[in-house]
Every structure is written in structure tokens, then in C-alpha cells.
Amino acid sequence: MPKKITKITPEQAARFGEWTQKWIEIGLSTEPADFERATFAALKGYELANLKRPMVVLRMGSPYAATLGGALAWAMLRGVASGISPQVESQVWSQVWSQVGSQVESQVGSQVESQVWSQVWSQVESQVGSQVRSQVESQVESQVWSQVESQVRSQVWSQVRSQVGSQVRSQVWSQVWSQVRSQVESQVESQVWSTPYNAYNGAFWASWGAYVSFFRDVMDWNDPALGRFSVDEELIKSCGWVWWHKNVLAISDRPEVIRRDDQGRLHGETGPSIKYRDGWALHHWHGTAVPQEWIVDRTTLTPKLALEQQNVETRRAACEIIGWAKILTELRAKTIDKDIDPTIGELVEVNLPDAGKERFLRVLCGTGREFAIPMPPHIKTALEGNAWSYGVDAETYTPEVRT
């Protein structure tokens, strides 16, 4: 029986930063998926759960396509293999993730486990999971049933028919399809809404890979359960989402583009924040999902439209995209204090819908353009606000010209 790990050495702890960065890069990789490698690993998961090999393996360009494609393929094949349960993820979970996790808990001291969790898992999760994966998940849920794209339909149809052709006679296939076609939409809908519980996030689950591999590679933890962990590790390192089904496996490509701000939030000022090779893309402003047209054609976004947004975060993002200077003009901001030096600026206050009174510093940059900086409520003068924006004390502050 493996010896229980009860302490972590200074040398091992010194590798936290290196390990975290390594797995963040894996989780945010924009390299094309290695579909052969991913398929082999995913099929191993079926074997561990004692499930039959799926009839169809779809290789899709995005999580959107994998989710919708998997559901469509399931609906197409339901008449070919009736009486099957759509859920596979929970069975794979019990054989792979829960087995590995329970072994870690039993063989690693709680103090060591919590330290690795906080220094490795949480660090990778904050950069990959919280900032990127959660945004993609929410967008898949909101968009996937709003429109069945012809690209997805054709891709699924051709892949399903070609793979099933050798297994099902053409006459049987045509009869099955004619019977299920009228029911496809209702069946797909039920499958789509189960997506969050039937999908594995591939590279976006890098925090789990970082956590387990740290024990294995840095702390020399060895256990037969690591053979099961290889399923996870291979999927994390080779692809995007994996959509599990007893008769259909859909694997997604990685993103082609990921853009983030300095806090790690999805953010694209001139284009998509995350884009996949099949064209599916999301647009974010400092972590808040926004319509594509607000980014690619800002003339469509007016102060009136921005202020009419019901969601506070969406409204704030819209105002930032337009520029607070224009918004303050629209709202007829009240002057609290105005310095004689325009580079120090003017402190104003406005009453934002659903947000109450907020203060801003209006200033001129070195090129003569006006812009506005949100201020905390305790700021009382323009000079104090200007100093605060540079992180210095107003009494010792020497104004700088913004460029």
C-alpha cells in the first residue's frame, strides 16, 4: 500500500508557481485539438465505465457544435438503438474522477492536500475555470437552442451517416430517419438542456490536472488510480469539450483565439474574446458578455441604448465601451468640484439607473481628448480624485499629463 504523504518539503513548495503557470498555459492553449489522442482517451473512459463503444464519434469545431451536434446525432440514432439512457458522464465520473479523488484524500494528509489545493488548483481554476470556462458554459446554454446552424446540421449528418452506414443497412436507416425526423426537435431540446451535466470541459478542466499531477510528478505519489487519471490528463492536453453519450461521443476543438484583460477576464476591444475554428465566437468586455455588434460596430451602441440595459453589469460594460464622458453628457452630470487645471479635471456626480449616485473625474488627456474615470464615493475634490487615480496622496501629489 502506498505510504501516506503527510508533509511537503520546501523544494516541493517552491514549484507551486512553476506548476501553476504550466497548467494555465495548457488550459488556455489555442493549438488545434489532437482528435486522435482525445478520441483514444475518451473511449478508454467508456471502457472503464463498462459501456459499449459509441456508434458515432463526432469531431466538432466548438463546444456549441459539440453540444448541438451530440444532441442531434443522439436524436437521429435513437431509433437505431432504442431504450438507451443519454447520460454517460456520471458513470465515467464514478470510474475516473471520483476514484482518483478518493485515493488522493486517503493517501495525502489533509494539511498537504489543502496547501496544494490553494496553491495549485485554485490558482489554475481562477485563471482558466472561473474566467473562461464558466463564460463559455453560460454562452453555450443561452445560444445553443436559439438557432440550429446549417453548418452544424450538415456536419453532424455527414459524420453520422458515414459512420453508421457500415453498421446499419440503408433501408433500415431511411426508415429510422423518416420515423424520428418529426421528433428530432423535442428530443434535441431535452438533451441540450442537460448539457452542463453531460459534458466534460477538456482543457478548461486544467485545475484538476494540475492538482493530481502535482502529487504524482512533484511529490512522487504513486497509485493504481493514476491509470484512470490518464483519461483526464489526455483530454485536458488534447481537446476542448467532450460530450458524452452511450451511443454518441462528440469532441470539440480548442479555441483558436482567447483574449483576456490584465485580470484574466475575457475581454476583446476590437474583436471576439474567444473564437473557435468553426466561426463560433463570444464577445466580452472585462468579463461581461456583450453583443457582437457593440464590439465590431460601435455606432450601433448609443448612450440611450446603454442606459436602457436592465442588467447592471451589461449596462456598465456598454457605458465603458461608449466612454463615460459621452454618458455623463447624456445624464447631465452635476459638478462637485472643478480645478482650474483641465488636466486635473472636474469631479462630477450622476444618478445611474439602479446603481444610485456615482462620481467620476472628467479629465483631458495629452491629446486634448476628454475621458471620465469612475471615483469612489469618498472623493470630494478633482485634485483628490486625480491623485487617487495614480494611487498617491493628494497633499504630496504632483499632477501628471495623461497620454
Protein backbone atom coordinates (compact mmCIF):
# COMPACT_ATOMS: atom_id res chain seq x y z
CA MET A 1 0.00 0.00 0.00
CA PRO A 2 1.42 3.44 -0.89
CA LYS A 3 2.83 5.41 2.02
CA LYS A 4 0.68 8.32 3.11
CA ILE A 5 2.10 11.77 2.30
CA THR A 6 1.96 13.91 5.44
CA LYS A 7 4.28 16.82 4.68
CA ILE A 8 5.53 18.93 1.83
CA THR A 9 9.18 19.90 1.55
CA PRO A 10 10.41 23.45 0.84
CA GLU A 11 11.74 22.24 -2.51
CA GLN A 12 8.33 20.88 -3.47
CA ALA A 13 6.53 24.02 -2.32
CA ALA A 14 8.94 26.11 -4.38
CA ARG A 15 7.48 24.52 -7.52
CA PHE A 16 3.93 25.78 -6.95
CA GLY A 17 4.39 28.81 -9.19
CA GLU A 18 6.02 26.87 -12.00
CA TRP A 19 3.35 24.17 -11.89
CA THR A 20 0.51 26.64 -11.83
CA GLN A 21 1.84 28.53 -14.85
CA LYS A 22 2.42 25.31 -16.77
CA TRP A 23 -1.18 24.18 -16.37
CA ILE A 24 -2.67 27.61 -17.00
CA GLU A 25 -0.91 27.55 -20.37
CA ILE A 26 -2.32 24.07 -21.03
CA GLY A 27 -5.82 25.19 -20.07
CA LEU A 28 -5.68 28.30 -22.26
CA SER A 29 -3.96 26.66 -25.22
CA THR A 30 -5.16 27.71 -28.68
CA GLU A 31 -3.40 24.89 -30.51
CA PRO A 32 -5.67 22.76 -32.72
CA ALA A 33 -7.08 19.72 -30.95
CA ASP A 34 -5.36 16.38 -31.34
CA PHE A 35 -8.55 14.49 -32.11
CA GLU A 36 -6.86 11.08 -32.39
CA ARG A 37 -5.38 11.41 -28.94
CA ALA A 38 -8.62 12.75 -27.48
CA THR A 39 -10.74 10.02 -29.05
CA PHE A 40 -8.48 7.27 -27.69
CA ALA A 41 -8.69 8.73 -24.17
CA ALA A 42 -12.45 9.29 -24.28
CA LEU A 43 -13.10 5.73 -25.47
CA LYS A 44 -10.98 4.47 -22.60
CA GLY A 45 -13.44 6.26 -20.31
CA TYR A 46 -16.26 4.24 -21.83
CA GLU A 47 -14.31 1.04 -21.18
CA LEU A 48 -13.69 1.95 -17.53
CA ALA A 49 -17.42 2.54 -17.09
CA ASN A 50 -18.19 -0.81 -18.77
CA LEU A 51 -20.07 0.90 -21.57
CA LYS A 52 -20.18 -0.09 -25.22
CA ARG A 53 -18.18 1.89 -27.72
CA PRO A 54 -20.38 4.68 -29.18
CA MET A 55 -21.63 4.16 -32.72
CA VAL A 56 -20.59 7.66 -33.74
CA VAL A 57 -17.63 9.85 -32.78
CA LEU A 58 -18.10 13.46 -33.86
CA ARG A 59 -15.18 15.85 -34.20
CA MET A 60 -16.61 19.34 -33.92
CA GLY A 61 -15.17 22.82 -34.19
CA SER A 62 -16.53 24.32 -30.95
CA PRO A 63 -18.38 23.48 -27.70
CA TYR A 64 -21.50 24.90 -29.35
CA ALA A 65 -21.19 22.48 -32.26
CA ALA A 66 -20.27 19.56 -30.00
CA THR A 67 -23.28 20.17 -27.75
CA LEU A 68 -25.78 20.64 -30.54
CA GLY A 69 -24.16 18.03 -32.76
CA GLY A 70 -24.19 15.43 -30.00
CA ALA A 71 -27.86 16.07 -29.31
CA LEU A 72 -28.81 15.92 -32.99
CA ALA A 73 -26.85 12.73 -33.52
CA TRP A 74 -28.47 11.18 -30.47
CA ALA A 75 -31.89 12.03 -31.86
CA MET A 76 -31.02 10.58 -35.27
CA LEU A 77 -29.77 7.34 -33.77
CA ARG A 78 -32.41 6.86 -31.13
CA GLY A 79 -34.46 4.62 -33.40
CA VAL A 80 -31.37 2.60 -34.31
CA ALA A 81 -30.50 1.86 -30.69
CA SER A 82 -33.64 2.43 -28.67
CA GLY A 83 -34.02 2.14 -24.93
CA ILE A 84 -30.69 3.70 -24.01
CA SER A 85 -30.03 6.29 -21.36
CA PRO A 86 -28.45 9.51 -22.62
CA GLN A 87 -26.29 10.09 -19.56
CA VAL A 88 -22.75 8.77 -19.53
CA GLU A 89 -20.81 11.47 -17.73
CA SER A 90 -21.99 10.35 -14.28
CA GLN A 91 -20.87 6.79 -14.95
CA VAL A 92 -17.47 7.90 -16.19
CA TRP A 93 -17.25 10.21 -13.17
CA SER A 94 -17.66 7.31 -10.76
CA GLN A 95 -14.95 5.31 -12.53
CA VAL A 96 -12.41 8.08 -13.17
CA TRP A 97 -12.73 11.34 -11.27
CA SER A 98 -14.26 10.07 -8.02
CA GLN A 99 -11.84 7.12 -7.86
CA VAL A 100 -8.78 9.35 -8.27
CA GLY A 101 -10.12 11.97 -5.86
CA SER A 102 -10.90 9.43 -3.15
CA GLN A 103 -7.42 7.93 -3.43
CA VAL A 104 -5.84 11.36 -3.04
CA GLU A 105 -7.91 12.02 0.07
CA SER A 106 -6.98 8.68 1.63
CA GLN A 107 -3.25 8.84 0.91
CA VAL A 108 -2.43 12.54 1.32
CA GLY A 109 -2.57 14.33 4.66
CA SER A 110 -5.29 16.98 4.90
CA GLN A 111 -2.79 19.78 5.58
CA VAL A 112 -0.74 18.91 2.49
CA GLU A 113 -3.84 18.47 0.36
CA SER A 114 -5.24 21.86 1.37
CA GLN A 115 -1.91 23.53 0.63
CA VAL A 116 -1.67 22.03 -2.85
CA TRP A 117 -5.35 22.85 -3.39
CA SER A 118 -4.89 26.51 -2.52
CA GLN A 119 -1.58 26.98 -4.35
CA VAL A 120 -2.18 24.87 -7.47
CA TRP A 121 -5.84 24.01 -8.02
CA SER A 122 -7.31 27.38 -7.04
CA GLN A 123 -4.70 29.39 -8.95
CA VAL A 124 -5.27 27.49 -12.19
CA GLU A 125 -9.04 27.43 -11.64
CA SER A 126 -9.22 31.21 -11.18
CA GLN A 127 -7.46 31.81 -14.49
CA VAL A 128 -8.97 29.01 -16.58
CA GLY A 129 -12.20 27.90 -14.92
CA SER A 130 -13.73 30.96 -13.32
CA GLN A 131 -12.67 33.40 -16.02
CA VAL A 132 -13.05 31.35 -19.19
CA ARG A 133 -14.84 28.01 -18.73
CA SER A 134 -17.80 29.49 -16.86
CA GLN A 135 -18.31 32.12 -19.55
CA VAL A 136 -18.25 29.54 -22.34
CA GLU A 137 -20.68 27.30 -20.46
CA SER A 138 -23.19 30.10 -19.92
CA GLN A 139 -23.00 31.14 -23.57
CA VAL A 140 -23.46 27.58 -24.81
CA GLU A 141 -26.56 27.24 -22.62
CA SER A 142 -28.06 30.52 -23.81
CA GLN A 143 -27.20 30.18 -27.50
CA VAL A 144 -27.26 26.51 -28.39
CA TRP A 145 -31.03 26.16 -28.68
CA SER A 146 -31.72 29.61 -30.08
CA GLN A 147 -30.52 28.64 -33.54
CA VAL A 148 -29.73 25.29 -35.21
CA GLU A 149 -26.98 26.32 -37.61
CA SER A 150 -26.87 24.71 -41.03
CA GLN A 151 -23.14 24.18 -40.58
CA VAL A 152 -23.75 22.02 -37.52
CA ARG A 153 -26.61 20.13 -39.14
CA SER A 154 -24.61 19.27 -42.27
CA GLN A 155 -21.52 18.34 -40.30
CA VAL A 156 -23.47 16.06 -37.98
CA TRP A 157 -25.50 14.49 -40.79
CA SER A 158 -22.47 13.62 -42.90
CA GLN A 159 -20.48 12.23 -39.97
CA VAL A 160 -23.36 10.21 -38.54
CA ARG A 161 -24.42 8.73 -41.85
CA SER A 162 -20.90 7.82 -42.92
CA GLN A 163 -20.09 6.16 -39.59
CA VAL A 164 -23.39 4.36 -39.23
CA GLY A 165 -23.51 3.27 -42.86
CA SER A 166 -21.31 0.28 -42.24
CA GLN A 167 -23.39 -0.76 -39.24
CA VAL A 168 -26.96 -0.20 -40.42
CA ARG A 169 -28.39 -1.15 -43.82
CA SER A 170 -29.51 1.79 -45.92
CA GLN A 171 -33.14 0.65 -45.95
CA VAL A 172 -33.21 0.43 -42.16
CA TRP A 173 -31.52 3.81 -41.88
CA SER A 174 -34.05 5.53 -44.17
CA GLN A 175 -36.95 4.04 -42.21
CA VAL A 176 -35.44 5.06 -38.92
CA TRP A 177 -34.75 8.61 -40.09
CA SER A 178 -38.25 9.07 -41.50
CA GLN A 179 -39.67 7.97 -38.16
CA VAL A 180 -37.50 10.14 -35.93
CA ARG A 181 -37.26 13.29 -38.05
CA SER A 182 -40.53 14.73 -36.78
CA GLN A 183 -39.44 14.09 -33.20
CA VAL A 184 -35.90 15.41 -33.51
CA GLU A 185 -36.59 18.91 -32.22
CA SER A 186 -38.28 17.84 -28.98
CA GLN A 187 -35.66 15.17 -28.33
CA VAL A 188 -32.78 17.52 -29.04
CA GLU A 189 -34.26 20.15 -26.75
CA SER A 190 -34.36 17.75 -23.81
CA GLN A 191 -30.77 16.73 -24.45
CA VAL A 192 -29.45 20.26 -24.87
CA TRP A 193 -30.73 21.40 -21.51
CA SER A 194 -28.93 18.51 -19.83
CA THR A 195 -25.67 19.69 -21.37
CA PRO A 196 -23.97 21.05 -18.22
CA TYR A 197 -24.29 17.63 -16.60
CA ASN A 198 -23.30 15.59 -19.64
CA ALA A 199 -20.16 17.39 -20.77
CA TYR A 200 -16.53 17.31 -19.75
CA ASN A 201 -14.67 20.56 -20.26
CA GLY A 202 -11.39 19.18 -21.58
CA ALA A 203 -8.62 21.76 -21.43
CA PHE A 204 -10.77 24.06 -19.30
CA TRP A 205 -10.56 21.47 -16.51
CA ALA A 206 -6.82 22.11 -16.19
CA SER A 207 -7.11 22.84 -12.46
CA TRP A 208 -7.89 19.16 -11.85
CA GLY A 209 -4.94 18.07 -13.99
CA ALA A 210 -2.61 20.45 -12.17
CA TYR A 211 -3.79 19.24 -8.77
CA VAL A 212 -3.38 15.50 -9.34
CA SER A 213 -0.22 15.72 -11.44
CA PHE A 214 1.49 17.80 -8.74
CA PHE A 215 1.12 14.92 -6.28
CA ARG A 216 2.30 12.45 -8.90
CA ASP A 217 5.19 14.33 -10.53
CA VAL A 218 6.43 16.60 -7.76
CA MET A 219 5.55 14.66 -4.60
CA ASP A 220 6.11 11.18 -6.08
CA TRP A 221 2.62 9.92 -5.30
CA ASN A 222 2.02 6.56 -6.96
CA ASP A 223 -1.25 4.66 -7.03
CA PRO A 224 -3.10 2.38 -9.49
CA ALA A 225 -5.81 5.07 -9.69
CA LEU A 226 -3.39 7.17 -11.75
CA GLY A 227 -4.14 4.84 -14.66
CA ARG A 228 -7.66 6.21 -14.60
CA PHE A 229 -6.39 9.77 -14.25
CA SER A 230 -4.66 9.33 -17.60
CA VAL A 231 -8.09 9.66 -19.23
CA ASP A 232 -8.46 13.13 -17.74
CA GLU A 233 -4.92 14.19 -18.44
CA GLU A 234 -5.06 13.17 -22.08
CA LEU A 235 -8.34 15.01 -22.65
CA ILE A 236 -7.11 18.15 -20.91
CA LYS A 237 -3.98 18.18 -23.03
CA SER A 238 -5.58 17.31 -26.36
CA CYS A 239 -9.00 18.91 -26.86
CA GLY A 240 -11.82 21.19 -25.79
CA TRP A 241 -15.18 19.89 -24.59
CA VAL A 242 -16.22 16.24 -24.66
CA TRP A 243 -19.93 15.48 -24.91
CA TRP A 244 -20.66 12.01 -23.54
CA HIS A 245 -23.48 9.72 -24.65
CA LYS A 246 -24.00 5.99 -24.70
CA ASN A 247 -24.26 5.99 -28.45
CA VAL A 248 -22.58 9.27 -29.44
CA LEU A 249 -19.29 10.86 -28.46
CA ALA A 250 -18.75 14.48 -29.58
CA ILE A 251 -15.32 16.07 -29.14
CA SER A 252 -14.72 19.79 -29.53
CA ASP A 253 -11.69 21.62 -30.84
CA ARG A 254 -9.81 24.09 -28.64
CA PRO A 255 -10.35 27.84 -29.15
CA GLU A 256 -8.43 29.49 -31.95
CA VAL A 257 -8.29 32.81 -30.09
CA ILE A 258 -8.52 33.73 -26.40
CA ARG A 259 -8.23 37.38 -25.41
CA ARG A 260 -8.19 38.50 -21.77
CA ASP A 261 -7.57 41.66 -19.79
CA ASP A 262 -4.86 42.15 -17.18
CA GLN A 263 -7.08 40.49 -14.56
CA GLY A 264 -7.55 37.37 -16.65
CA ARG A 265 -11.15 38.15 -17.63
CA LEU A 266 -12.33 37.51 -21.18
CA HIS A 267 -12.02 40.83 -22.99
CA GLY A 268 -11.85 41.86 -26.64
CA GLU A 269 -11.80 45.54 -27.53
CA THR A 270 -11.79 45.11 -31.31
CA GLY A 271 -12.90 41.51 -31.85
CA PRO A 272 -14.10 38.33 -30.14
CA SER A 273 -12.79 37.46 -26.70
CA ILE A 274 -12.88 33.78 -27.58
CA LYS A 275 -13.20 32.33 -31.08
CA TYR A 276 -13.29 28.78 -32.40
CA ARG A 277 -12.19 27.47 -35.77
CA ASP A 278 -15.74 26.82 -36.98
CA GLY A 279 -16.54 30.51 -36.56
CA TRP A 280 -18.41 30.34 -33.24
CA ALA A 281 -17.27 33.27 -31.14
CA LEU A 282 -18.09 35.13 -27.93
CA HIS A 283 -17.62 38.80 -27.13
CA HIS A 284 -16.82 40.12 -23.66
CA TRP A 285 -15.93 43.42 -22.10
CA HIS A 286 -13.79 42.86 -19.00
CA GLY A 287 -15.53 39.55 -18.29
CA THR A 288 -19.09 40.66 -19.11
CA ALA A 289 -20.74 39.07 -22.14
CA VAL A 290 -21.87 41.69 -24.66
CA PRO A 291 -23.48 41.57 -28.13
CA GLN A 292 -21.07 41.20 -31.03
CA GLU A 293 -22.18 44.45 -32.67
CA TRP A 294 -21.14 46.50 -29.63
CA ILE A 295 -17.55 45.49 -30.35
CA VAL A 296 -17.36 45.26 -34.13
CA ASP A 297 -19.64 48.20 -34.96
CA ARG A 298 -19.77 50.64 -32.07
CA THR A 299 -22.01 53.03 -33.98
CA THR A 300 -24.86 50.68 -33.06
CA LEU A 301 -24.32 51.43 -29.36
CA THR A 302 -25.73 54.75 -28.22
CA PRO A 303 -25.82 56.32 -24.74
CA LYS A 304 -29.60 55.81 -24.70
CA LEU A 305 -29.28 52.10 -25.55
CA ALA A 306 -26.52 51.65 -22.97
CA LEU A 307 -28.57 53.22 -20.18
CA GLU A 308 -31.62 51.13 -21.07
CA GLN A 309 -29.84 47.84 -20.34
CA GLN A 310 -31.63 46.03 -17.50
CA ASN A 311 -28.59 44.10 -16.29
CA VAL A 312 -26.30 46.38 -14.25
CA GLU A 313 -23.05 44.74 -15.41
CA THR A 314 -24.12 44.79 -19.06
CA ARG A 315 -25.08 48.45 -18.69
CA ARG A 316 -21.75 49.30 -17.12
CA ALA A 317 -19.89 47.47 -19.91
CA ALA A 318 -21.90 49.37 -22.53
CA CYS A 319 -21.09 52.69 -20.87
CA GLU A 320 -17.39 51.85 -20.75
CA ILE A 321 -17.39 50.86 -24.44
CA ILE A 322 -19.01 54.17 -25.42
CA GLY A 323 -16.92 56.13 -22.95
CA TRP A 324 -18.11 57.61 -19.69
CA ALA A 325 -17.52 61.13 -20.98
CA LYS A 326 -20.38 60.72 -23.50
CA ILE A 327 -22.57 59.03 -20.92
CA LEU A 328 -22.04 61.84 -18.41
CA THR A 329 -23.07 64.38 -21.01
CA GLU A 330 -26.23 62.37 -21.68
CA LEU A 331 -27.02 62.23 -17.96
CA ARG A 332 -26.30 65.93 -17.37
CA ALA A 333 -23.74 65.28 -14.67
CA LYS A 334 -23.66 67.63 -11.67
CA THR A 335 -20.32 69.33 -10.94
CA ILE A 336 -18.96 68.70 -7.42
CA ASP A 337 -15.58 70.36 -7.88
CA LYS A 338 -13.71 71.78 -10.87
CA ASP A 339 -9.99 72.52 -10.89
CA ILE A 340 -8.62 75.45 -12.88
CA ASP A 341 -6.20 73.00 -14.49
CA PRO A 342 -8.13 70.88 -17.06
CA THR A 343 -5.54 68.09 -16.77
CA ILE A 344 -6.54 67.73 -13.11
CA GLY A 345 -10.16 67.75 -14.17
CA GLU A 346 -13.67 68.10 -12.88
CA LEU A 347 -15.34 65.91 -10.26
CA VAL A 348 -18.96 65.21 -11.19
CA GLU A 349 -21.82 63.14 -9.82
CA VAL A 350 -24.62 61.37 -11.66
CA ASN A 351 -27.56 59.22 -10.70
CA LEU A 352 -27.18 55.95 -12.61
CA PRO A 353 -30.28 53.80 -13.13
CA ASP A 354 -30.47 51.04 -10.49
CA ALA A 355 -27.00 51.95 -9.22
CA GLY A 356 -27.61 55.23 -7.41
CA LYS A 357 -25.24 58.18 -7.21
CA GLU A 358 -21.74 57.67 -8.53
CA ARG A 359 -18.84 60.04 -9.01
CA PHE A 360 -16.49 60.45 -11.95
CA LEU A 361 -13.47 62.54 -12.72
CA ARG A 362 -13.60 64.25 -16.09
CA VAL A 363 -10.11 64.98 -17.37
CA LEU A 364 -8.28 65.92 -20.56
CA CYS A 365 -5.52 63.66 -21.85
CA GLY A 366 -2.34 64.91 -23.52
CA THR A 367 -4.04 64.81 -26.94
CA GLY A 368 -6.93 67.01 -25.77
CA ARG A 369 -9.49 64.16 -25.63
CA GLU A 370 -11.88 64.12 -22.70
CA PHE A 371 -12.49 60.95 -20.75
CA ALA A 372 -14.03 60.01 -17.39
CA ILE A 373 -12.69 57.85 -14.56
CA PRO A 374 -15.04 56.23 -12.01
CA MET A 375 -14.29 57.51 -8.50
CA PRO A 376 -15.04 56.08 -5.03
CA PRO A 377 -17.75 57.98 -3.12
CA HIS A 378 -15.35 59.50 -0.56
CA ILE A 379 -13.55 61.63 -3.16
CA LYS A 380 -14.51 65.29 -2.65
CA THR A 381 -12.28 67.30 -5.00
CA ALA A 382 -10.90 66.95 -8.50
CA LEU A 383 -7.33 67.10 -7.21
CA GLU A 384 -8.03 64.37 -4.67
CA GLY A 385 -9.60 62.22 -7.40
CA ASN A 386 -6.70 62.78 -9.78
CA ALA A 387 -4.25 61.79 -7.06
CA TRP A 388 -6.36 58.72 -6.17
CA SER A 389 -6.29 57.56 -9.81
CA TYR A 390 -2.49 57.42 -9.58
CA GLY A 391 -2.56 55.77 -6.16
CA VAL A 392 -0.92 58.68 -4.31
CA ASP A 393 -1.84 61.10 -1.52
CA ALA A 394 -3.41 64.42 -2.59
CA GLU A 395 -1.15 66.51 -0.30
CA THR A 396 2.06 65.30 -1.94
CA TYR A 397 0.67 64.78 -5.44
CA THR A 398 2.24 66.46 -8.47
CA PRO A 399 -0.22 66.31 -11.39
CA GLU A 400 0.87 64.39 -14.49
CA VAL A 401 -0.36 64.87 -18.04
CA ARG A 402 -2.28 61.80 -19.20
CA THR A 403 -1.40 60.50 -22.65
